């Protein structure tokens, strides 16, 4: 069975679900999923996991995100971007770069954010955007997010272009609306490009056309999703026990999460260590050892 990861350059006008459907048909596989929804009108990095690699999806979702976005002043829409219906407007006032920088600093760090109605979050089994399309608005619980960086790249009299580094669960549309409000104006997102998801970068992403022409040429190993984890090389006996679900002693290691590898370099999956005891968390490959080797 095909297994691995595709670093896809999602085009504007397709949902993340559409991309997965296209690749499911192209690769003729059923076990497939993406590593973090990207809005239909946005473009950029969308990691797609195939086969046993889908067991590592949560690690891609947890990874830091890097975006480039445009904030347009003067209007607010029901969707939070310029594809929606205008629900409020304001005069566009002149703001200095110093004022912008001071405002951006207020949004750096851990904070609470109320997700927008036009989102895939579920409320009582229904996605919020489905309710929003029916004209129904429900109360949403604020969620913890972290914004690591906000860099002003360019400004005009009516817009800003920003680079944003943030945690999972951050709605850039909402963040831009809040920045505009802090500056005393309405605002909406008019452009969004995702430049990075965890260890997957825009510079290495492939278009659907490129992938369709050579589906397996761009397939990355599952291990590509967890390059930031420390590597733990196991003996054959340790590898056999851990992949069979047995907690196993590995001397001299610190507590934490590890990429599990064999002596010959095969990637087995993810394990966690506590008090020098290692247990399996996500195993992609069972280790088969020769009796004489162990």
C-alpha atoms as a PDB file:
ATOM      1  CA  UNK A   1       0.000   0.000   0.000  1.00  0.00           C
ATOM      2  CA  UNK A   2       1.223   3.496  -0.863  1.00  0.00           C
ATOM      3  CA  UNK A   3       2.380   5.420   2.188  1.00  0.00           C
ATOM      4  CA  UNK A   4       3.967   8.825   2.656  1.00  0.00           C
ATOM      5  CA  UNK A   5       3.320  12.558   2.585  1.00  0.00           C
ATOM      6  CA  UNK A   6       2.731  15.032  -0.234  1.00  0.00           C
ATOM      7  CA  UNK A   7       3.582  18.694   0.349  1.00  0.00           C
ATOM      8  CA  UNK A   8       0.804  20.176  -1.778  1.00  0.00           C
ATOM      9  CA  UNK A   9       0.548  23.749  -3.031  1.00  0.00           C
ATOM     10  CA  UNK A  10      -3.200  24.234  -2.646  1.00  0.00           C
ATOM     11  CA  UNK A  11      -4.616  26.635  -5.228  1.00  0.00           C
ATOM     12  CA  UNK A  12      -7.238  29.285  -4.551  1.00  0.00           C
ATOM     13  CA  UNK A  13     -10.785  28.143  -5.208  1.00  0.00           C
ATOM     14  CA  UNK A  14     -10.473  24.610  -3.833  1.00  0.00           C
ATOM     15  CA  UNK A  15     -11.351  23.386  -0.376  1.00  0.00           C
ATOM     16  CA  UNK A  16      -8.848  21.254   1.504  1.00  0.00           C
ATOM     17  CA  UNK A  17     -11.383  18.433   1.177  1.00  0.00           C
ATOM     18  CA  UNK A  18     -11.382  18.902  -2.616  1.00  0.00           C
ATOM     19  CA  UNK A  19      -7.597  18.506  -2.677  1.00  0.00           C
ATOM     20  CA  UNK A  20      -7.795  15.281  -0.677  1.00  0.00           C
ATOM     21  CA  UNK A  21     -10.499  13.973  -3.017  1.00  0.00           C
ATOM     22  CA  UNK A  22      -8.377  14.745  -6.079  1.00  0.00           C
ATOM     23  CA  UNK A  23      -5.385  12.926  -4.609  1.00  0.00           C
ATOM     24  CA  UNK A  24      -7.513   9.997  -3.451  1.00  0.00           C
ATOM     25  CA  UNK A  25      -8.568   9.455  -7.065  1.00  0.00           C
ATOM     26  CA  UNK A  26      -5.087  10.109  -8.462  1.00  0.00           C
ATOM     27  CA  UNK A  27      -3.361   7.688  -6.089  1.00  0.00           C
ATOM     28  CA  UNK A  28      -6.323   5.284  -5.928  1.00  0.00           C
ATOM     29  CA  UNK A  29      -6.165   5.080  -2.161  1.00  0.00           C
ATOM     30  CA  UNK A  30      -8.764   5.348   0.588  1.00  0.00           C
ATOM     31  CA  UNK A  31      -6.523   6.072   3.552  1.00  0.00           C
ATOM     32  CA  UNK A  32      -5.685   9.753   3.134  1.00  0.00           C
ATOM     33  CA  UNK A  33      -6.056  13.012   5.072  1.00  0.00           C
ATOM     34  CA  UNK A  34      -4.705  16.549   5.274  1.00  0.00           C
ATOM     35  CA  UNK A  35      -2.672  18.222   7.989  1.00  0.00           C
ATOM     36  CA  UNK A  36      -4.694  21.355   8.679  1.00  0.00           C
ATOM     37  CA  UNK A  37      -7.590  23.031   6.856  1.00  0.00           C
ATOM     38  CA  UNK A  38      -6.811  25.948   4.561  1.00  0.00           C
ATOM     39  CA  UNK A  39      -9.657  28.289   3.545  1.00  0.00           C
ATOM     40  CA  UNK A  40     -11.022  27.812  -0.008  1.00  0.00           C
ATOM     41  CA  UNK A  41      -9.891  31.289  -1.102  1.00  0.00           C
ATOM     42  CA  UNK A  42      -6.427  30.825   0.405  1.00  0.00           C
ATOM     43  CA  UNK A  43      -3.421  29.213  -1.247  1.00  0.00           C
ATOM     44  CA  UNK A  44      -0.298  27.575   0.073  1.00  0.00           C
ATOM     45  CA  UNK A  45       1.085  24.608   1.948  1.00  0.00           C
ATOM     46  CA  UNK A  46      -1.284  21.703   2.592  1.00  0.00           C
ATOM     47  CA  UNK A  47       0.467  18.508   3.754  1.00  0.00           C
ATOM     48  CA  UNK A  48      -1.482  15.433   2.680  1.00  0.00           C
ATOM     49  CA  UNK A  49      -0.821  12.132   4.466  1.00  0.00           C
ATOM     50  CA  UNK A  50      -1.328   8.774   2.762  1.00  0.00           C
ATOM     51  CA  UNK A  51      -1.513   5.199   4.056  1.00  0.00           C
ATOM     52  CA  UNK A  52       0.177   4.452   7.378  1.00  0.00           C
ATOM     53  CA  UNK A  53       1.578   8.003   7.401  1.00  0.00           C
ATOM     54  CA  UNK A  54      -1.922   9.186   8.410  1.00  0.00           C
ATOM     55  CA  UNK A  55      -1.065   7.991  11.924  1.00  0.00           C
ATOM     56  CA  UNK A  56       1.205  11.036  12.180  1.00  0.00           C
ATOM     57  CA  UNK A  57      -1.413  13.598  11.127  1.00  0.00           C
ATOM     58  CA  UNK A  58      -1.696  15.055  14.613  1.00  0.00           C
ATOM     59  CA  UNK A  59       1.983  16.007  14.574  1.00  0.00           C
ATOM     60  CA  UNK A  60       1.519  18.093  11.425  1.00  0.00           C
ATOM     61  CA  UNK A  61      -1.560  19.774  12.877  1.00  0.00           C
ATOM     62  CA  UNK A  62       0.394  20.669  16.021  1.00  0.00           C
ATOM     63  CA  UNK A  63       3.190  22.328  14.028  1.00  0.00           C
ATOM     64  CA  UNK A  64       3.677  26.080  13.837  1.00  0.00           C
ATOM     65  CA  UNK A  65       2.053  27.869  10.883  1.00  0.00           C
ATOM     66  CA  UNK A  66       3.545  30.723   8.866  1.00  0.00           C
ATOM     67  CA  UNK A  67       1.241  32.946   6.787  1.00  0.00           C
ATOM     68  CA  UNK A  68       1.393  36.012   4.581  1.00  0.00           C
ATOM     69  CA  UNK A  69      -1.840  37.981   4.699  1.00  0.00           C
ATOM     70  CA  UNK A  70      -3.327  41.261   3.562  1.00  0.00           C
ATOM     71  CA  UNK A  71      -5.576  43.294   5.850  1.00  0.00           C
ATOM     72  CA  UNK A  72      -7.892  45.683   4.017  1.00  0.00           C
ATOM     73  CA  UNK A  73      -9.307  48.537   6.076  1.00  0.00           C
ATOM     74  CA  UNK A  74     -12.776  50.062   5.892  1.00  0.00           C
ATOM     75  CA  UNK A  75     -15.089  47.046   5.731  1.00  0.00           C
ATOM     76  CA  UNK A  76     -16.039  44.020   7.799  1.00  0.00           C
ATOM     77  CA  UNK A  77     -17.691  40.953   6.269  1.00  0.00           C
ATOM     78  CA  UNK A  78     -19.678  38.029   7.613  1.00  0.00           C
ATOM     79  CA  UNK A  79     -16.955  35.571   6.553  1.00  0.00           C
ATOM     80  CA  UNK A  80     -13.967  37.630   7.712  1.00  0.00           C
ATOM     81  CA  UNK A  81     -12.576  37.861   4.192  1.00  0.00           C
ATOM     82  CA  UNK A  82     -13.474  39.774   1.057  1.00  0.00           C
ATOM     83  CA  UNK A  83     -15.553  36.901  -0.339  1.00  0.00           C
ATOM     84  CA  UNK A  84     -18.278  37.627   2.186  1.00  0.00           C
ATOM     85  CA  UNK A  85     -21.112  40.102   2.540  1.00  0.00           C
ATOM     86  CA  UNK A  86     -20.234  43.482   4.032  1.00  0.00           C
ATOM     87  CA  UNK A  87     -21.841  43.808   7.472  1.00  0.00           C
ATOM     88  CA  UNK A  88     -20.082  46.960   8.719  1.00  0.00           C
ATOM     89  CA  UNK A  89     -17.921  49.767   7.403  1.00  0.00           C
ATOM     90  CA  UNK A  90     -15.787  52.588   8.735  1.00  0.00           C
ATOM     91  CA  UNK A  91     -13.749  55.500   7.531  1.00  0.00           C
ATOM     92  CA  UNK A  92     -10.149  54.622   6.774  1.00  0.00           C
ATOM     93  CA  UNK A  93      -7.970  56.832   8.896  1.00  0.00           C
ATOM     94  CA  UNK A  94      -4.285  57.563   8.464  1.00  0.00           C
ATOM     95  CA  UNK A  95      -2.099  55.423  10.729  1.00  0.00           C
ATOM     96  CA  UNK A  96       1.640  55.756  11.162  1.00  0.00           C
ATOM     97  CA  UNK A  97       4.048  52.848  11.004  1.00  0.00           C
ATOM     98  CA  UNK A  98       4.907  53.434  14.658  1.00  0.00           C
ATOM     99  CA  UNK A  99       1.227  53.133  15.598  1.00  0.00           C
ATOM    100  CA  UNK A 100       0.915  49.935  13.575  1.00  0.00           C
ATOM    101  CA  UNK A 101       4.011  48.401  15.178  1.00  0.00           C
ATOM    102  CA  UNK A 102       2.756  49.285  18.653  1.00  0.00           C
ATOM    103  CA  UNK A 103      -0.596  47.676  17.863  1.00  0.00           C
ATOM    104  CA  UNK A 104       0.978  44.518  16.452  1.00  0.00           C
ATOM    105  CA  UNK A 105       2.990  44.048  19.644  1.00  0.00           C
ATOM    106  CA  UNK A 106      -0.276  43.799  21.589  1.00  0.00           C
ATOM    107  CA  UNK A 107      -1.141  40.640  19.659  1.00  0.00           C
ATOM    108  CA  UNK A 108       2.134  38.794  20.255  1.00  0.00           C
ATOM    109  CA  UNK A 109       2.067  35.873  22.694  1.00  0.00           C
ATOM    110  CA  UNK A 110      -0.562  33.629  24.244  1.00  0.00           C
ATOM    111  CA  UNK A 111      -4.117  34.925  24.013  1.00  0.00           C
ATOM    112  CA  UNK A 112      -7.770  33.939  23.719  1.00  0.00           C
ATOM    113  CA  UNK A 113      -9.523  34.072  20.357  1.00  0.00           C
ATOM    114  CA  UNK A 114     -13.199  33.557  19.571  1.00  0.00           C
ATOM    115  CA  UNK A 115     -13.396  31.481  16.372  1.00  0.00           C
ATOM    116  CA  UNK A 116     -15.491  32.874  13.511  1.00  0.00           C
ATOM    117  CA  UNK A 117     -18.888  31.497  12.535  1.00  0.00           C
ATOM    118  CA  UNK A 118     -17.474  30.644   9.128  1.00  0.00           C
ATOM    119  CA  UNK A 119     -15.255  27.828  10.387  1.00  0.00           C
ATOM    120  CA  UNK A 120     -15.245  24.025  10.454  1.00  0.00           C
ATOM    121  CA  UNK A 121     -15.566  23.870  14.250  1.00  0.00           C
ATOM    122  CA  UNK A 122     -18.561  21.801  15.302  1.00  0.00           C
ATOM    123  CA  UNK A 123     -21.376  22.856  17.613  1.00  0.00           C
ATOM    124  CA  UNK A 124     -23.814  20.100  18.617  1.00  0.00           C
ATOM    125  CA  UNK A 125     -22.649  18.000  15.675  1.00  0.00           C
ATOM    126  CA  UNK A 126     -22.973  20.738  13.058  1.00  0.00           C
ATOM    127  CA  UNK A 127     -20.144  22.725  11.538  1.00  0.00           C
ATOM    128  CA  UNK A 128     -20.356  26.419  12.330  1.00  0.00           C
ATOM    129  CA  UNK A 129     -20.192  27.477   8.693  1.00  0.00           C
ATOM    130  CA  UNK A 130     -23.261  25.335   7.959  1.00  0.00           C
ATOM    131  CA  UNK A 131     -25.170  27.206  10.659  1.00  0.00           C
ATOM    132  CA  UNK A 132     -23.828  30.547   9.412  1.00  0.00           C
ATOM    133  CA  UNK A 133     -25.137  29.842   5.906  1.00  0.00           C
ATOM    134  CA  UNK A 134     -28.590  29.371   7.453  1.00  0.00           C
ATOM    135  CA  UNK A 135     -28.299  32.774   9.108  1.00  0.00           C
ATOM    136  CA  UNK A 136     -27.818  31.217  12.542  1.00  0.00           C
ATOM    137  CA  UNK A 137     -25.205  32.599  14.918  1.00  0.00           C
ATOM    138  CA  UNK A 138     -24.312  30.695  18.073  1.00  0.00           C
ATOM    139  CA  UNK A 139     -22.116  31.483  21.039  1.00  0.00           C
ATOM    140  CA  UNK A 140     -18.528  30.297  20.588  1.00  0.00           C
ATOM    141  CA  UNK A 141     -16.078  29.584  23.348  1.00  0.00           C
ATOM    142  CA  UNK A 142     -12.792  31.488  23.211  1.00  0.00           C
ATOM    143  CA  UNK A 143      -9.814  29.233  22.538  1.00  0.00           C
ATOM    144  CA  UNK A 144      -6.171  29.583  23.525  1.00  0.00           C
ATOM    145  CA  UNK A 145      -3.801  30.456  20.689  1.00  0.00           C
ATOM    146  CA  UNK A 146      -0.250  31.771  20.435  1.00  0.00           C
ATOM    147  CA  UNK A 147       1.058  34.346  17.974  1.00  0.00           C
ATOM    148  CA  UNK A 148       4.844  34.090  17.835  1.00  0.00           C
ATOM    149  CA  UNK A 149       5.539  36.837  15.315  1.00  0.00           C
ATOM    150  CA  UNK A 150       3.772  39.630  13.418  1.00  0.00           C
ATOM    151  CA  UNK A 151       5.937  41.375  10.840  1.00  0.00           C
ATOM    152  CA  UNK A 152       4.771  44.390   8.839  1.00  0.00           C
ATOM    153  CA  UNK A 153       6.016  43.951   5.265  1.00  0.00           C
ATOM    154  CA  UNK A 154       4.174  46.750   3.487  1.00  0.00           C
ATOM    155  CA  UNK A 155       1.491  49.355   4.076  1.00  0.00           C
ATOM    156  CA  UNK A 156      -0.654  51.555   1.894  1.00  0.00           C
ATOM    157  CA  UNK A 157      -3.312  54.049   2.851  1.00  0.00           C
ATOM    158  CA  UNK A 158      -5.927  51.287   2.927  1.00  0.00           C
ATOM    159  CA  UNK A 159      -4.128  48.024   3.673  1.00  0.00           C
ATOM    160  CA  UNK A 160      -1.309  46.170   5.409  1.00  0.00           C
ATOM    161  CA  UNK A 161       0.642  43.104   4.348  1.00  0.00           C
ATOM    162  CA  UNK A 162       1.826  41.002   7.279  1.00  0.00           C
ATOM    163  CA  UNK A 163       3.825  37.850   7.896  1.00  0.00           C
ATOM    164  CA  UNK A 164       2.349  35.852  10.777  1.00  0.00           C
ATOM    165  CA  UNK A 165       3.775  32.920  12.735  1.00  0.00           C
ATOM    166  CA  UNK A 166       1.191  31.273  14.969  1.00  0.00           C
ATOM    167  CA  UNK A 167      -0.033  28.118  16.657  1.00  0.00           C
ATOM    168  CA  UNK A 168      -2.653  25.669  15.470  1.00  0.00           C
ATOM    169  CA  UNK A 169      -6.211  26.867  15.857  1.00  0.00           C
ATOM    170  CA  UNK A 170      -5.386  30.486  15.018  1.00  0.00           C
ATOM    171  CA  UNK A 171      -7.872  32.089  12.643  1.00  0.00           C
ATOM    172  CA  UNK A 172      -5.924  34.682  10.685  1.00  0.00           C
ATOM    173  CA  UNK A 173      -9.175  36.292   9.490  1.00  0.00           C
ATOM    174  CA  UNK A 174     -10.201  36.951  13.077  1.00  0.00           C
ATOM    175  CA  UNK A 175      -6.725  38.121  14.057  1.00  0.00           C
ATOM    176  CA  UNK A 176      -6.772  40.703  11.251  1.00  0.00           C
ATOM    177  CA  UNK A 177     -10.250  41.895  12.234  1.00  0.00           C
ATOM    178  CA  UNK A 178      -9.025  42.363  15.807  1.00  0.00           C
ATOM    179  CA  UNK A 179      -5.923  44.276  14.675  1.00  0.00           C
ATOM    180  CA  UNK A 180      -8.110  46.589  12.578  1.00  0.00           C
ATOM    181  CA  UNK A 181     -10.458  47.141  15.525  1.00  0.00           C
ATOM    182  CA  UNK A 182      -7.504  48.024  17.758  1.00  0.00           C
ATOM    183  CA  UNK A 183      -6.544  50.636  15.161  1.00  0.00           C
ATOM    184  CA  UNK A 184     -10.083  52.025  15.300  1.00  0.00           C
ATOM    185  CA  UNK A 185     -11.343  50.666  11.971  1.00  0.00           C
ATOM    186  CA  UNK A 186     -13.217  47.823  10.378  1.00  0.00           C
ATOM    187  CA  UNK A 187     -11.034  45.372   8.509  1.00  0.00           C
ATOM    188  CA  UNK A 188     -11.155  42.175   6.503  1.00  0.00           C
ATOM    189  CA  UNK A 189      -8.693  39.704   5.035  1.00  0.00           C
ATOM    190  CA  UNK A 190      -8.200  40.169   1.294  1.00  0.00           C
ATOM    191  CA  UNK A 191      -5.365  37.673   0.723  1.00  0.00           C
ATOM    192  CA  UNK A 192      -3.924  34.637   2.513  1.00  0.00           C
ATOM    193  CA  UNK A 193      -0.924  32.483   1.641  1.00  0.00           C
ATOM    194  CA  UNK A 194       0.278  29.715   3.946  1.00  0.00           C
ATOM    195  CA  UNK A 195       4.063  29.535   3.733  1.00  0.00           C
ATOM    196  CA  UNK A 196       4.756  26.809   6.260  1.00  0.00           C
ATOM    197  CA  UNK A 197       3.154  24.023   8.288  1.00  0.00           C
ATOM    198  CA  UNK A 198       5.606  22.450  10.714  1.00  0.00           C
ATOM    199  CA  UNK A 199       8.416  20.978   8.615  1.00  0.00           C
ATOM    200  CA  UNK A 200       6.666  21.610   5.280  1.00  0.00           C
ATOM    201  CA  UNK A 201       7.580  24.758   3.333  1.00  0.00           C
ATOM    202  CA  UNK A 202       6.100  26.665   0.404  1.00  0.00           C
ATOM    203  CA  UNK A 203       9.392  26.577  -1.514  1.00  0.00           C
ATOM    204  CA  UNK A 204       9.159  22.766  -1.665  1.00  0.00           C
ATOM    205  CA  UNK A 205       5.398  22.421  -2.269  1.00  0.00           C
ATOM    206  CA  UNK A 206       4.139  20.881  -5.506  1.00  0.00           C
ATOM    207  CA  UNK A 207       1.073  21.789  -7.549  1.00  0.00           C
ATOM    208  CA  UNK A 208      -1.686  19.273  -8.182  1.00  0.00           C
ATOM    209  CA  UNK A 209      -0.705  19.297 -11.860  1.00  0.00           C
ATOM    210  CA  UNK A 210       2.874  18.326 -10.998  1.00  0.00           C
ATOM    211  CA  UNK A 211       1.681  15.571  -8.682  1.00  0.00           C
ATOM    212  CA  UNK A 212      -0.841  14.228 -11.208  1.00  0.00           C
ATOM    213  CA  UNK A 213       1.921  13.958 -13.827  1.00  0.00           C
ATOM    214  CA  UNK A 214       4.198  11.955 -11.510  1.00  0.00           C
ATOM    215  CA  UNK A 215       2.197  10.904  -8.433  1.00  0.00           C
ATOM    216  CA  UNK A 216       4.960   9.037  -6.637  1.00  0.00           C
ATOM    217  CA  UNK A 217       7.910  11.256  -7.535  1.00  0.00           C
ATOM    218  CA  UNK A 218       7.048  13.773  -4.814  1.00  0.00           C
ATOM    219  CA  UNK A 219       5.997  11.355  -2.076  1.00  0.00           C
ATOM    220  CA  UNK A 220       7.958  12.099   1.100  1.00  0.00           C
ATOM    221  CA  UNK A 221       8.619   9.509   3.823  1.00  0.00           C
ATOM    222  CA  UNK A 222       6.349   9.649   6.872  1.00  0.00           C
ATOM    223  CA  UNK A 223       9.324  10.657   8.994  1.00  0.00           C
ATOM    224  CA  UNK A 224       9.321  14.055   7.236  1.00  0.00           C
ATOM    225  CA  UNK A 225       6.423  15.095   9.495  1.00  0.00           C
ATOM    226  CA  UNK A 226       8.412  14.694  12.710  1.00  0.00           C
ATOM    227  CA  UNK A 227      11.894  15.945  11.885  1.00  0.00           C
ATOM    228  CA  UNK A 228      11.800  18.257  14.891  1.00  0.00           C
ATOM    229  CA  UNK A 229      11.640  15.278  17.281  1.00  0.00           C
ATOM    230  CA  UNK A 230      14.871  13.878  18.651  1.00  0.00           C
ATOM    231  CA  UNK A 231      15.985  10.588  17.115  1.00  0.00           C
ATOM    232  CA  UNK A 232      16.303   7.477  19.279  1.00  0.00           C
ATOM    233  CA  UNK A 233      18.215   4.550  17.757  1.00  0.00           C
ATOM    234  CA  UNK A 234      17.118   1.224  19.228  1.00  0.00           C
ATOM    235  CA  UNK A 235      18.830  -2.128  19.425  1.00  0.00           C
ATOM    236  CA  UNK A 236      17.037  -4.957  17.640  1.00  0.00           C
ATOM    237  CA  UNK A 237      15.729  -6.305  20.932  1.00  0.00           C
ATOM    238  CA  UNK A 238      14.458  -2.887  22.035  1.00  0.00           C
ATOM    239  CA  UNK A 239      12.842  -2.288  18.638  1.00  0.00           C
ATOM    240  CA  UNK A 240      11.055  -5.635  18.735  1.00  0.00           C
ATOM    241  CA  UNK A 241       9.701  -5.134  22.254  1.00  0.00           C
ATOM    242  CA  UNK A 242       8.591  -1.530  21.759  1.00  0.00           C
ATOM    243  CA  UNK A 243       6.810  -2.165  18.450  1.00  0.00           C
ATOM    244  CA  UNK A 244       4.992  -5.051  20.152  1.00  0.00           C
ATOM    245  CA  UNK A 245       3.684  -2.634  22.780  1.00  0.00           C
ATOM    246  CA  UNK A 246       6.045  -3.547  25.614  1.00  0.00           C
ATOM    247  CA  UNK A 247       7.518  -0.746  27.721  1.00  0.00           C
ATOM    248  CA  UNK A 248      11.266  -1.104  27.432  1.00  0.00           C
ATOM    249  CA  UNK A 249      14.227   0.306  29.338  1.00  0.00           C
ATOM    250  CA  UNK A 250      16.617   2.510  27.355  1.00  0.00           C
ATOM    251  CA  UNK A 251      19.414   3.751  29.580  1.00  0.00           C
ATOM    252  CA  UNK A 252      20.607   7.336  29.605  1.00  0.00           C
ATOM    253  CA  UNK A 253      17.746   9.049  27.789  1.00  0.00           C
ATOM    254  CA  UNK A 254      15.742  12.060  28.923  1.00  0.00           C
ATOM    255  CA  UNK A 255      11.976  12.233  29.248  1.00  0.00           C
ATOM    256  CA  UNK A 256      10.273  13.282  26.027  1.00  0.00           C
ATOM    257  CA  UNK A 257       8.962  12.223  22.637  1.00  0.00           C
ATOM    258  CA  UNK A 258      11.246  10.550  20.109  1.00  0.00           C
ATOM    259  CA  UNK A 259      11.489   9.335  16.527  1.00  0.00           C
ATOM    260  CA  UNK A 260      12.198   5.634  16.841  1.00  0.00           C
ATOM    261  CA  UNK A 261      14.797   4.236  14.437  1.00  0.00           C
ATOM    262  CA  UNK A 262      16.526   0.904  13.989  1.00  0.00           C
ATOM    263  CA  UNK A 263      20.286   0.483  13.856  1.00  0.00           C
ATOM    264  CA  UNK A 264      19.986   0.243  10.068  1.00  0.00           C
ATOM    265  CA  UNK A 265      18.063   3.540   9.874  1.00  0.00           C
ATOM    266  CA  UNK A 266      14.493   2.306   9.393  1.00  0.00           C
ATOM    267  CA  UNK A 267      11.837   4.618  10.846  1.00  0.00           C
ATOM    268  CA  UNK A 268       9.461   2.702  13.119  1.00  0.00           C
ATOM    269  CA  UNK A 269       7.269   5.456  14.533  1.00  0.00           C
ATOM    270  CA  UNK A 270       6.964   7.657  17.606  1.00  0.00           C
ATOM    271  CA  UNK A 271       7.675   6.741  21.208  1.00  0.00           C
ATOM    272  CA  UNK A 272       7.730   8.528  24.524  1.00  0.00           C
ATOM    273  CA  UNK A 273      10.220   8.137  27.349  1.00  0.00           C
ATOM    274  CA  UNK A 274       9.712   8.586  31.068  1.00  0.00           C
ATOM    275  CA  UNK A 275      12.231   7.527  33.709  1.00  0.00           C
ATOM    276  CA  UNK A 276      14.207   5.656  31.013  1.00  0.00           C
ATOM    277  CA  UNK A 277      11.155   3.584  30.062  1.00  0.00           C
ATOM    278  CA  UNK A 278      10.136   3.900  26.403  1.00  0.00           C
ATOM    279  CA  UNK A 279       6.661   3.072  25.159  1.00  0.00           C
ATOM    280  CA  UNK A 280       5.147   3.178  21.686  1.00  0.00           C
ATOM    281  CA  UNK A 281       2.859   6.089  20.808  1.00  0.00           C
ATOM    282  CA  UNK A 282       2.435   5.736  17.037  1.00  0.00           C
ATOM    283  CA  UNK A 283       3.954   2.706  15.346  1.00  0.00           C
ATOM    284  CA  UNK A 284       4.043   2.674  11.541  1.00  0.00           C
ATOM    285  CA  UNK A 285       6.122  -0.435  11.058  1.00  0.00           C
ATOM    286  CA  UNK A 286       6.493  -3.598  13.117  1.00  0.00           C
ATOM    287  CA  UNK A 287      10.080  -4.669  13.638  1.00  0.00           C
ATOM    288  CA  UNK A 288      10.854  -8.177  12.473  1.00  0.00           C
ATOM    289  CA  UNK A 289      14.023  -9.493  14.106  1.00  0.00           C
ATOM    290  CA  UNK A 290      15.884 -12.682  13.393  1.00  0.00           C
ATOM    291  CA  UNK A 291      15.979 -14.833  16.526  1.00  0.00           C
ATOM    292  CA  UNK A 292      19.762 -15.037  16.285  1.00  0.00           C
ATOM    293  CA  UNK A 293      20.009 -11.233  16.303  1.00  0.00           C
ATOM    294  CA  UNK A 294      18.274 -10.835  19.641  1.00  0.00           C
END
